[in-house]
Protein backbone atom coordinates (compact mmCIF):
# COMPACT_ATOMS: atom_id res chain seq x y z
CA MET A 1 -21.36 -31.73 3.99
CA PHE A 2 -22.96 -30.86 7.37
CA GLU A 3 -23.04 -34.33 8.85
CA GLY A 4 -22.90 -34.35 12.64
CA VAL A 5 -23.66 -30.62 13.00
CA SER A 6 -26.47 -29.72 15.43
CA ALA A 7 -29.71 -28.07 14.34
CA GLU A 8 -28.91 -25.00 16.43
CA LEU A 9 -25.54 -24.49 14.80
CA LEU A 10 -26.96 -25.06 11.31
CA ALA A 11 -29.70 -22.50 11.95
CA ARG A 12 -27.10 -20.02 13.16
CA ILE A 13 -24.90 -20.69 10.11
CA GLN A 14 -27.85 -20.23 7.78
CA PHE A 15 -28.83 -16.91 9.34
CA ALA A 16 -25.21 -15.76 9.36
CA PHE A 17 -24.85 -16.69 5.70
CA THR A 18 -27.98 -14.85 4.58
CA VAL A 19 -27.34 -11.77 6.72
CA SER A 20 -23.75 -11.59 5.45
CA PHE A 21 -24.99 -11.42 1.89
CA HIS A 22 -27.72 -8.95 2.83
CA ILE A 23 -25.71 -6.46 4.86
CA VAL A 24 -23.22 -5.61 2.12
CA PHE A 25 -25.96 -4.26 -0.16
CA PRO A 26 -27.64 -1.86 2.33
CA ALA A 27 -24.20 -0.76 3.53
CA PHE A 28 -23.41 0.22 -0.06
CA SER A 29 -26.83 1.63 -1.01
CA ILE A 30 -27.08 3.84 2.11
CA GLY A 31 -23.88 5.64 1.22
CA LEU A 32 -24.52 5.61 -2.52
CA ALA A 33 -27.99 7.14 -2.15
CA SER A 34 -26.49 10.08 -0.26
CA TYR A 35 -23.69 10.36 -2.83
CA LEU A 36 -26.26 10.51 -5.64
CA THR A 37 -28.10 13.26 -3.78
CA VAL A 38 -24.90 15.30 -3.54
CA LEU A 39 -24.07 14.76 -7.22
CA ASN A 40 -27.54 15.77 -8.34
CA ALA A 41 -27.49 18.88 -6.15
CA LEU A 42 -24.07 19.86 -7.54
CA TRP A 43 -25.34 19.40 -11.10
CA LEU A 44 -28.34 21.64 -10.44
CA LYS A 45 -26.17 24.27 -8.76
CA THR A 46 -23.24 24.37 -11.19
CA ARG A 47 -24.60 22.83 -14.43
CA ASP A 48 -21.24 21.10 -14.69
CA GLN A 49 -21.81 18.17 -17.04
CA THR A 50 -19.34 16.03 -15.09
CA TYR A 51 -21.69 15.86 -12.10
CA LEU A 52 -24.57 14.72 -14.29
CA ASP A 53 -22.35 12.09 -15.90
CA LEU A 54 -21.41 10.77 -12.47
CA PHE A 55 -25.02 10.78 -11.30
CA LEU A 56 -26.13 8.74 -14.31
CA TYR A 57 -23.16 6.42 -13.90
CA TRP A 58 -23.73 5.59 -10.23
CA LYS A 59 -27.52 5.59 -10.57
CA LYS A 60 -27.38 2.39 -12.61
CA ILE A 61 -25.13 0.71 -10.05
CA PHE A 62 -27.40 1.87 -7.21
CA ALA A 63 -30.47 0.39 -8.91
CA VAL A 64 -28.87 -3.06 -9.15
CA ALA A 65 -27.45 -2.98 -5.60
CA PHE A 66 -30.75 -1.75 -4.16
CA GLY A 67 -32.65 -4.54 -5.89
CA MET A 68 -30.29 -7.20 -4.58
CA GLY A 69 -30.58 -5.75 -1.08
CA VAL A 70 -34.37 -5.97 -1.18
CA VAL A 71 -34.35 -9.57 -2.39
CA SER A 72 -31.78 -10.73 0.16
CA GLY A 73 -33.68 -8.97 2.96
CA ILE A 74 -36.97 -10.68 2.13
CA VAL A 75 -35.31 -14.10 2.41
CA MET A 76 -34.01 -13.28 5.88
CA SER A 77 -37.44 -12.42 7.24
CA TYR A 78 -38.77 -15.89 6.53
CA GLN A 79 -36.18 -17.46 8.80
CA PHE A 80 -37.78 -15.87 11.84
CA GLY A 81 -40.73 -18.16 11.24
CA THR A 82 -39.00 -21.24 9.87
CA ASN A 83 -35.88 -21.48 12.05
CA TRP A 84 -36.47 -19.13 14.97
CA SER A 85 -40.18 -19.37 15.71
CA VAL A 86 -39.71 -19.51 19.51
CA PHE A 87 -37.68 -16.32 19.37
CA SER A 88 -40.40 -14.74 17.21
CA GLU A 89 -43.10 -15.81 19.66
CA LYS A 90 -41.29 -14.49 22.72
CA ALA A 91 -39.72 -11.31 21.29
CA GLY A 92 -42.34 -10.64 18.60
CA PRO A 93 -44.34 -8.09 20.64
CA VAL A 94 -41.24 -5.88 20.67
CA ILE A 95 -39.43 -6.56 17.39
CA GLY A 96 -42.56 -7.07 15.27
CA PRO A 97 -43.79 -3.46 15.49
CA LEU A 98 -40.27 -2.10 14.99
CA MET A 99 -39.87 -4.14 11.79
CA ALA A 100 -43.32 -2.99 10.65
CA TYR A 101 -42.36 0.64 11.26
CA GLU A 102 -39.32 0.11 9.02
CA VAL A 103 -41.55 -1.10 6.21
CA MET A 104 -44.16 1.64 6.63
CA THR A 105 -41.81 4.60 7.05
CA ALA A 106 -38.72 3.62 5.09
CA PHE A 107 -39.38 0.93 2.51
CA PHE A 108 -42.61 2.52 1.26
CA LEU A 109 -40.80 5.87 1.11
CA GLU A 110 -37.94 4.40 -0.92
CA ALA A 111 -40.24 2.43 -3.20
CA GLY A 112 -42.53 5.40 -3.78
CA PHE A 113 -39.79 7.75 -4.93
CA LEU A 114 -37.27 5.33 -6.42
CA GLY A 115 -39.01 5.26 -9.81
CA ILE A 116 -38.98 9.06 -10.00
CA MET A 117 -35.31 9.11 -9.10
CA LEU A 118 -34.39 6.52 -11.74
CA PHE A 119 -36.66 7.55 -14.62
CA GLY A 120 -38.34 10.86 -13.81
CA ARG A 121 -35.92 13.68 -14.57
CA GLU A 122 -37.49 14.49 -17.94
CA LYS A 123 -41.03 13.73 -16.75
CA VAL A 124 -41.48 15.55 -13.45
CA GLY A 125 -38.93 18.34 -13.70
CA GLU A 126 -35.59 18.83 -12.03
CA GLY A 127 -36.96 20.17 -8.74
CA LEU A 128 -39.21 17.21 -8.02
CA HIS A 129 -36.55 14.82 -9.28
CA MET A 130 -34.09 16.34 -6.80
CA PHE A 131 -36.68 15.98 -4.05
CA ALA A 132 -37.25 12.32 -4.94
CA THR A 133 -33.50 11.62 -4.92
CA ALA A 134 -33.15 13.17 -1.47
CA ILE A 135 -36.17 11.24 -0.18
CA VAL A 136 -34.68 7.93 -1.36
CA ALA A 137 -31.48 8.78 0.54
CA LEU A 138 -33.53 9.73 3.60
CA GLY A 139 -35.45 6.46 3.31
CA THR A 140 -32.25 4.41 3.44
CA LEU A 141 -31.23 6.22 6.62
CA ILE A 142 -34.66 5.71 8.23
CA SER A 143 -34.48 2.02 7.32
CA ALA A 144 -31.10 1.74 8.99
CA THR A 145 -32.51 3.51 12.06
CA TRP A 146 -35.29 0.96 12.63
CA ILE A 147 -33.14 -2.09 11.87
CA LEU A 148 -30.39 -0.86 14.19
CA SER A 149 -32.99 -0.18 16.87
CA VAL A 150 -34.16 -3.81 16.65
CA ASN A 151 -30.63 -5.18 16.79
CA SER A 152 -29.60 -2.82 19.57
CA TRP A 153 -32.60 -3.84 21.67
CA MET A 154 -31.49 -7.47 21.34
CA GLN A 155 -28.06 -6.39 22.57
CA THR A 156 -29.18 -4.03 25.34
CA PRO A 157 -32.87 -4.79 26.04
CA ALA A 158 -34.89 -2.09 27.81
CA GLY A 159 -38.45 -0.83 28.22
CA PHE A 160 -40.23 -4.18 28.59
CA LEU A 161 -41.66 -6.65 31.05
CA ILE A 162 -41.89 -10.44 30.76
CA ASN A 163 -45.35 -12.03 31.14
CA GLU A 164 -46.23 -15.47 32.46
CA GLN A 165 -45.74 -17.04 29.03
CA GLY A 166 -42.20 -15.71 28.85
CA GLN A 167 -43.00 -13.06 26.22
CA PHE A 168 -41.32 -9.66 26.16
CA ILE A 169 -44.17 -7.15 26.46
CA PRO A 170 -43.53 -3.49 25.54
CA GLU A 171 -43.83 -1.13 28.48
CA ASP A 172 -41.98 1.99 27.29
CA TRP A 173 -41.51 2.38 23.53
CA TRP A 174 -39.12 5.29 23.93
CA ALA A 175 -36.86 3.12 26.08
CA ILE A 176 -37.17 0.26 23.58
CA VAL A 177 -36.30 2.31 20.50
CA PHE A 178 -33.65 4.46 22.19
CA ASN A 179 -32.10 1.63 24.18
CA PRO A 180 -28.63 2.18 25.70
CA SER A 181 -26.54 1.00 22.73
CA PHE A 182 -28.76 2.35 19.91
CA PRO A 183 -27.15 5.80 19.33
CA TYR A 184 -23.67 4.30 19.16
CA ARG A 185 -24.62 1.45 16.84
CA LEU A 186 -26.60 3.69 14.49
CA THR A 187 -23.83 6.27 14.18
CA HIS A 188 -21.18 3.58 13.77
CA MET A 189 -23.16 1.80 11.04
CA VAL A 190 -24.06 4.94 9.05
CA LEU A 191 -20.45 6.12 9.07
CA ALA A 192 -19.41 2.61 7.99
CA ALA A 193 -21.85 2.82 5.08
CA TYR A 194 -20.43 6.16 3.96
CA LEU A 195 -16.87 4.86 4.17
CA THR A 196 -17.82 1.69 2.30
CA THR A 197 -19.25 3.72 -0.56
CA ALA A 198 -16.35 6.17 -0.55
CA PHE A 199 -13.77 3.44 -0.95
CA VAL A 200 -15.76 1.69 -3.69
CA VAL A 201 -16.02 4.99 -5.58
CA GLY A 202 -12.33 5.69 -4.97
CA ALA A 203 -11.34 2.21 -6.15
CA VAL A 204 -13.31 2.54 -9.38
CA ALA A 205 -11.69 5.90 -10.09
CA ALA A 206 -8.25 4.51 -9.24
CA TRP A 207 -8.85 1.60 -11.62
CA HIS A 208 -9.52 3.96 -14.51
CA MET A 209 -6.53 6.15 -13.65
CA LEU A 210 -4.17 3.18 -13.42
CA ARG A 211 -5.31 2.03 -16.87
CA GLY A 212 -4.64 5.48 -18.27
CA LYS A 213 -8.29 5.89 -19.25
CA ALA A 214 -9.41 8.41 -16.67
CA ASN A 215 -11.41 11.46 -17.67
CA GLU A 216 -12.64 14.41 -15.64
CA GLY A 217 -15.42 12.27 -14.16
CA SER A 218 -12.99 9.69 -12.83
CA ARG A 219 -10.74 12.32 -11.34
CA ARG A 220 -13.66 14.18 -9.79
CA MET A 221 -15.08 11.11 -8.09
CA PHE A 222 -11.63 10.09 -6.82
CA SER A 223 -11.21 13.51 -5.25
CA MET A 224 -14.64 13.33 -3.60
CA ALA A 225 -14.01 9.81 -2.31
CA MET A 226 -10.68 10.75 -0.76
CA TRP A 227 -12.20 13.80 0.92
CA MET A 228 -14.77 11.48 2.47
CA ALA A 229 -12.02 9.10 3.61
CA VAL A 230 -9.91 11.78 5.27
CA LEU A 231 -12.92 13.35 7.03
CA VAL A 232 -15.03 10.34 8.01
CA ALA A 233 -12.38 7.73 8.89
CA PRO A 234 -11.20 9.65 12.02
CA MET A 235 -14.84 10.15 13.02
CA GLN A 236 -15.47 6.43 12.64
CA ILE A 237 -12.47 5.50 14.77
CA PHE A 238 -13.64 7.91 17.48
CA MET A 239 -17.20 6.53 17.36
CA GLY A 240 -15.83 3.00 17.44
CA ASP A 241 -14.04 3.86 20.67
CA GLN A 242 -17.23 5.32 22.15
CA HIS A 243 -19.18 2.26 21.04
CA GLY A 244 -16.58 0.05 22.72
CA LEU A 245 -16.92 1.93 26.00
CA ASN A 246 -20.70 1.52 25.81
CA THR A 247 -20.27 -2.19 25.14
CA LEU A 248 -17.95 -2.50 28.15
CA GLU A 249 -20.69 -1.00 30.32
CA HIS A 250 -23.57 -3.14 29.04
CA GLN A 251 -21.95 -6.25 27.54
CA PRO A 252 -18.65 -6.71 29.38
CA VAL A 253 -18.32 -10.39 28.39
CA LYS A 254 -18.22 -9.40 24.73
CA VAL A 255 -15.37 -6.98 25.41
CA MET A 256 -13.49 -9.69 27.31
CA ALA A 257 -13.71 -11.89 24.21
CA MET A 258 -12.73 -9.02 21.89
CA GLU A 259 -9.67 -8.27 24.03
CA GLY A 260 -8.79 -11.94 24.61
CA HIS A 261 -8.82 -11.43 28.37
CA PHE A 262 -9.22 -14.92 29.81
CA GLU A 263 -7.78 -13.74 33.11
CA SER A 264 -8.72 -10.74 35.25
CA HIS A 265 -6.12 -7.99 35.58
CA PRO A 266 -6.38 -6.10 38.89
CA ASN A 267 -3.47 -3.76 38.12
CA GLY A 268 -3.96 -2.89 34.47
CA ALA A 269 -4.74 -5.14 31.51
CA PRO A 270 -2.49 -5.51 28.45
CA LEU A 271 -3.62 -4.86 24.91
CA ILE A 272 -3.17 -8.13 23.04
CA LEU A 273 -2.37 -7.20 19.46
CA PHE A 274 -2.19 -10.73 18.07
CA GLY A 275 -2.30 -14.27 19.32
CA MET A 276 -4.20 -17.55 19.15
CA PRO A 277 -7.05 -17.70 21.68
CA ASN A 278 -7.19 -21.11 23.33
CA GLN A 279 -10.61 -21.34 24.94
CA GLU A 280 -10.06 -24.81 26.34
CA GLU A 281 -6.89 -23.80 28.18
CA LYS A 282 -8.18 -20.30 28.95
CA ARG A 283 -5.23 -18.44 27.48
CA VAL A 284 -3.98 -16.68 24.34
CA ASP A 285 -1.09 -18.60 22.84
CA TYR A 286 1.78 -16.72 21.15
CA ALA A 287 0.40 -13.40 22.40
CA VAL A 288 1.96 -10.15 21.28
CA GLU A 289 0.85 -7.55 23.79
CA ILE A 290 1.47 -4.05 25.12
CA PRO A 291 1.30 -3.88 28.93
CA LYS A 292 -1.57 -1.95 30.51
CA LEU A 293 -2.72 -0.38 27.22
CA SER A 294 -6.13 -2.09 27.25
CA SER A 295 -6.89 -0.48 30.63
CA LEU A 296 -5.83 2.89 29.23
CA ILE A 297 -8.12 2.52 26.21
CA LEU A 298 -11.13 1.13 28.05
CA LYS A 299 -10.82 2.91 31.40
CA HIS A 300 -8.48 5.81 30.56
CA ASP A 301 -6.23 4.65 33.39
CA LEU A 302 -3.10 2.51 32.97
CA ASN A 303 -3.68 0.74 36.28
CA ALA A 304 -7.46 0.33 36.10
CA PRO A 305 -8.61 -3.23 36.87
CA LEU A 306 -10.40 -5.22 34.15
CA ASP A 307 -12.32 -8.43 34.70
CA GLY A 308 -11.61 -11.44 32.54
CA LEU A 309 -13.52 -14.49 31.38
CA ASP A 310 -12.45 -16.28 34.56
CA THR A 311 -15.33 -14.38 36.21
CA VAL A 312 -17.87 -15.81 33.74
CA PRO A 313 -19.38 -19.32 33.71
CA ASP A 314 -18.17 -21.39 30.77
CA ASP A 315 -21.66 -21.72 29.32
CA GLU A 316 -21.98 -17.92 29.07
CA GLU A 317 -18.78 -17.35 27.12
CA PRO A 318 -19.01 -16.53 23.39
CA PRO A 319 -16.68 -18.26 20.88
CA VAL A 320 -13.62 -16.20 21.80
CA ALA A 321 -11.43 -16.89 18.75
CA ILE A 322 -14.08 -15.69 16.28
CA VAL A 323 -14.81 -12.50 18.22
CA PHE A 324 -11.11 -11.84 18.88
CA TRP A 325 -10.11 -12.03 15.20
CA SER A 326 -13.19 -10.41 13.65
CA PHE A 327 -12.65 -7.40 15.92
CA ARG A 328 -9.03 -7.08 14.82
CA ILE A 329 -9.97 -7.34 11.15
CA MET A 330 -12.49 -4.54 11.58
CA VAL A 331 -9.98 -2.32 13.38
CA ALA A 332 -7.30 -3.04 10.78
CA MET A 333 -9.64 -2.00 7.97
CA GLY A 334 -10.52 1.21 9.80
CA PHE A 335 -6.91 2.25 10.27
CA GLY A 336 -6.14 1.22 6.69
CA MET A 337 -8.84 3.62 5.50
CA LEU A 338 -7.39 6.36 7.67
CA LEU A 339 -3.91 5.83 6.20
CA VAL A 340 -5.17 5.95 2.60
CA GLY A 341 -7.14 9.12 3.36
CA ALA A 342 -4.06 10.74 4.95
CA TRP A 343 -1.90 9.66 1.99
CA ALA A 344 -4.38 11.22 -0.40
CA LEU A 345 -4.42 14.43 1.62
CA VAL A 346 -0.63 14.70 1.44
CA ASN A 347 -0.69 14.16 -2.32
CA ARG A 348 -3.54 16.65 -2.69
CA LEU A 349 -1.55 19.33 -0.87
CA ARG A 350 1.43 18.53 -3.12
CA GLY A 351 -0.77 18.82 -6.22
CA LYS A 352 -0.15 15.14 -7.06
CA LEU A 353 -3.53 13.59 -6.27
CA TYR A 354 -4.01 12.28 -9.83
CA GLU A 355 -0.34 11.45 -10.46
CA ALA A 356 0.40 9.05 -7.62
CA PRO A 357 0.15 5.50 -9.02
CA TRP A 358 1.19 3.78 -5.80
CA MET A 359 -1.52 5.62 -3.90
CA HIS A 360 -3.99 4.68 -6.63
CA ARG A 361 -2.98 1.03 -6.23
CA ALA A 362 -3.56 1.32 -2.49
CA ALA A 363 -6.98 2.86 -3.10
CA LEU A 364 -7.85 0.06 -5.53
CA LEU A 365 -6.70 -2.57 -3.04
CA MET A 366 -8.80 -0.94 -0.32
CA GLY A 367 -11.93 -0.91 -2.49
CA PRO A 368 -13.57 -3.87 -0.67
CA SER A 369 -12.29 -2.76 2.75
CA GLY A 370 -15.61 -1.23 3.77
CA PHE A 371 -17.47 -4.47 3.10
CA VAL A 372 -14.83 -6.45 5.00
CA ALA A 373 -15.06 -4.07 7.96
CA VAL A 374 -18.86 -4.17 8.01
CA LEU A 375 -18.92 -7.97 7.92
CA ALA A 376 -16.23 -8.24 10.59
CA GLY A 377 -18.09 -5.74 12.75
CA TRP A 378 -21.34 -7.67 12.48
CA VAL A 379 -19.56 -10.93 13.31
CA THR A 380 -18.07 -9.26 16.39
CA THR A 381 -21.47 -7.93 17.42
CA GLU A 382 -23.54 -11.04 16.82
CA VAL A 383 -21.11 -13.78 17.83
CA GLY A 384 -20.04 -11.71 20.83
CA ARG A 385 -23.65 -11.72 22.06
CA GLN A 386 -23.74 -15.50 22.25
CA PRO A 387 -25.07 -17.63 23.86
CA TYR A 388 -28.04 -15.23 23.83
CA THR A 389 -30.45 -13.88 21.24
CA VAL A 390 -31.80 -11.32 23.72
CA TYR A 391 -28.72 -10.54 25.78
CA GLY A 392 -28.81 -12.04 29.25
CA LEU A 393 -32.47 -13.06 28.97
CA LEU A 394 -33.17 -15.47 26.10
CA ARG A 395 -30.62 -18.06 25.02
CA THR A 396 -30.07 -19.02 21.41
CA SER A 397 -30.75 -22.65 22.29
CA GLN A 398 -34.17 -21.60 23.64
CA SER A 399 -35.04 -19.59 20.51
CA LEU A 400 -34.88 -22.34 17.90
CA SER A 401 -37.84 -23.79 16.02
CA PRO A 402 -38.53 -27.53 16.44
CA VAL A 403 -36.69 -28.40 13.22
CA GLU A 404 -34.37 -31.28 12.46
CA ALA A 405 -30.75 -30.90 11.40
CA PRO A 406 -31.15 -32.68 8.00
CA ALA A 407 -33.89 -30.22 6.96
CA LEU A 408 -31.69 -27.27 7.91
CA ALA A 409 -28.70 -28.79 6.13
CA THR A 410 -30.74 -29.18 2.94
CA SER A 411 -32.09 -25.63 3.00
CA LEU A 412 -28.64 -24.22 3.82
CA THR A 413 -27.09 -26.08 0.89
CA LEU A 414 -29.79 -24.72 -1.43
CA PHE A 415 -29.22 -21.20 -0.10
CA ILE A 416 -25.50 -21.45 -0.81
CA ILE A 417 -26.04 -22.68 -4.37
CA VAL A 418 -28.77 -20.17 -5.27
CA TYR A 419 -27.07 -17.21 -3.61
CA PHE A 420 -23.76 -17.74 -5.34
CA PHE A 421 -25.44 -18.00 -8.73
CA VAL A 422 -27.95 -15.13 -8.32
CA PHE A 423 -25.89 -12.65 -6.31
CA GLY A 424 -22.69 -13.72 -8.00
CA ALA A 425 -24.25 -12.78 -11.33
CA GLY A 426 -25.50 -9.48 -9.90
CA THR A 427 -22.11 -8.62 -8.47
CA PHE A 428 -20.41 -9.51 -11.75
CA TYR A 429 -22.81 -7.20 -13.57
CA ILE A 430 -22.07 -4.35 -11.17
CA LEU A 431 -18.34 -4.85 -11.76
CA ARG A 432 -18.94 -4.65 -15.52
CA LEU A 433 -20.78 -1.37 -15.04
CA MET A 434 -17.88 -0.06 -12.98
CA ASN A 435 -15.45 -1.01 -15.72
CA VAL A 436 -17.03 1.63 -17.97
CA VAL A 437 -15.47 5.09 -17.73
CA PRO A 438 -17.99 7.70 -16.45
CA GLY A 439 -19.50 9.81 -19.19
CA THR A 440 -18.83 7.34 -22.02
CA THR A 441 -20.64 4.50 -23.74
CA GLY A 442 -17.64 2.19 -23.46
CA PRO A 443 -14.49 1.59 -21.49
CA ASN A 444 -12.27 3.80 -23.65
CA PRO A 445 -12.94 7.54 -23.35
CA GLU A 446 -10.81 8.32 -26.37
CA THR A 447 -12.99 6.34 -28.78
CA ALA A 448 -16.35 6.88 -27.13
CA GLY A 449 -18.39 9.93 -27.92
CA PRO A 450 -20.75 11.90 -25.71
CA MET A 451 -23.11 9.58 -23.87
CA ARG A 452 -26.62 10.19 -25.15
CA THR A 453 -28.24 7.23 -23.36
CA THR A 454 -27.07 4.95 -20.64
CA GLY A 455 -27.79 1.86 -22.72
CA LEU A 456 -26.05 -0.42 -20.25
CA VAL A 457 -28.94 -1.61 -18.15
CA PRO A 458 -32.07 -2.87 -19.91
CA GLY A 459 -34.98 -0.70 -18.90
CA LEU A 460 -32.77 2.06 -17.48
CA GLN A 461 -32.31 4.10 -20.66
CA GLN A 462 -32.05 7.71 -19.62
CA PRO A 463 -31.60 10.54 -22.11
CA GLU A 464 -28.63 12.73 -21.38
CA PRO A 465 -27.98 16.20 -22.73
CA SER A 466 -25.24 16.58 -25.30
CA ARG A 467 -22.02 18.23 -24.23
CA GLU A 468 -22.24 20.53 -27.23
CA GLY A 469 -22.81 24.00 -25.87
CA ALA A 470 -22.68 22.72 -22.29
């Protein structure tokens, strides 16, 4: 299956495979934890049973997604020792403490209060339960902060010196943590997590409405999801633009690959909408472009000069085609979210938010869009950094463990088999949970009575008050 592939490429494929599985779960759980906090707060404030139904509904899904995120993250950490031991040795003095801070401040916080959030409402009281729910949401954000700090330092390293053994030694921890790209990456990722969750919630609600089985819970969560889309999608597009300008300043080669600029443009660079990057011939075949628009976007000047990959040695160029297309997929998903949010706003103002089947179909179709955008964004970020692990300082080829290609091929094959069975089963189970209408014990709200217990996840039985007298 992987015959003739180098050990370096296999190690990169293996890490890409595991991180791709891992990132979708934190992206979902970060947004979902905050959503659960809002639902619980609304229940306590209004005593509207619908909010409690939605909290109990999404709590089960959060528990499964959170568990899969933890498991997939543990597997990734081992690869630093097995496949990337040289990188760990050289960069360990910087990234090791940052990863430890994530465990001590975020993971312990989440683990300590997760049980109270899932099982403690009747045991500790509503006030402490609300506090625990908020702390779990805060923990997910703190976790994202440390992980994004590590990744950002690898992209824009700062605050260190290199000793005689070639190790990166911390010199200024403030500069390391708050490196030049960190604020942009953190904001971009957190907004992406919120949008990912919003479109999953909106898609589930749209599914129930299209089947004619929606109840007040389905309509309420669709309304909340579309508010999030119309408010956050423009913010995300703006932050994406700011992140791009920061990348142009600190990682210009990555932007050249994203834009498909093989040639320098001294009098304004075109925006290439589509085309087939040809790295061997140093051109974009079949390009569809708008003259000078790239200079306007990146420099705010139609005639501003932009350097191309012709100013970069061949061995310092990233794989242009991958970066070029992953960037366009991410942007397309972002504008798709904006359009759905705007469509929902128009229908809301017309009083037709729940009676617009074509919009509901669009929302259902866009359900996975957040995951696609997150994955495409990470591909753009990580592949665009190549051929370096620490940008400009430590090459990927110099970071690899002394492992042979056959060993990596075997472990990668096992990863693929196990992941598709384990996480495939987990994802299938989450989809089954989503198929149930909120506030019912089954998929049909007309035949199901008030939900007294969740009963859908073994070990997650949670008593729920009757609607009688509510």
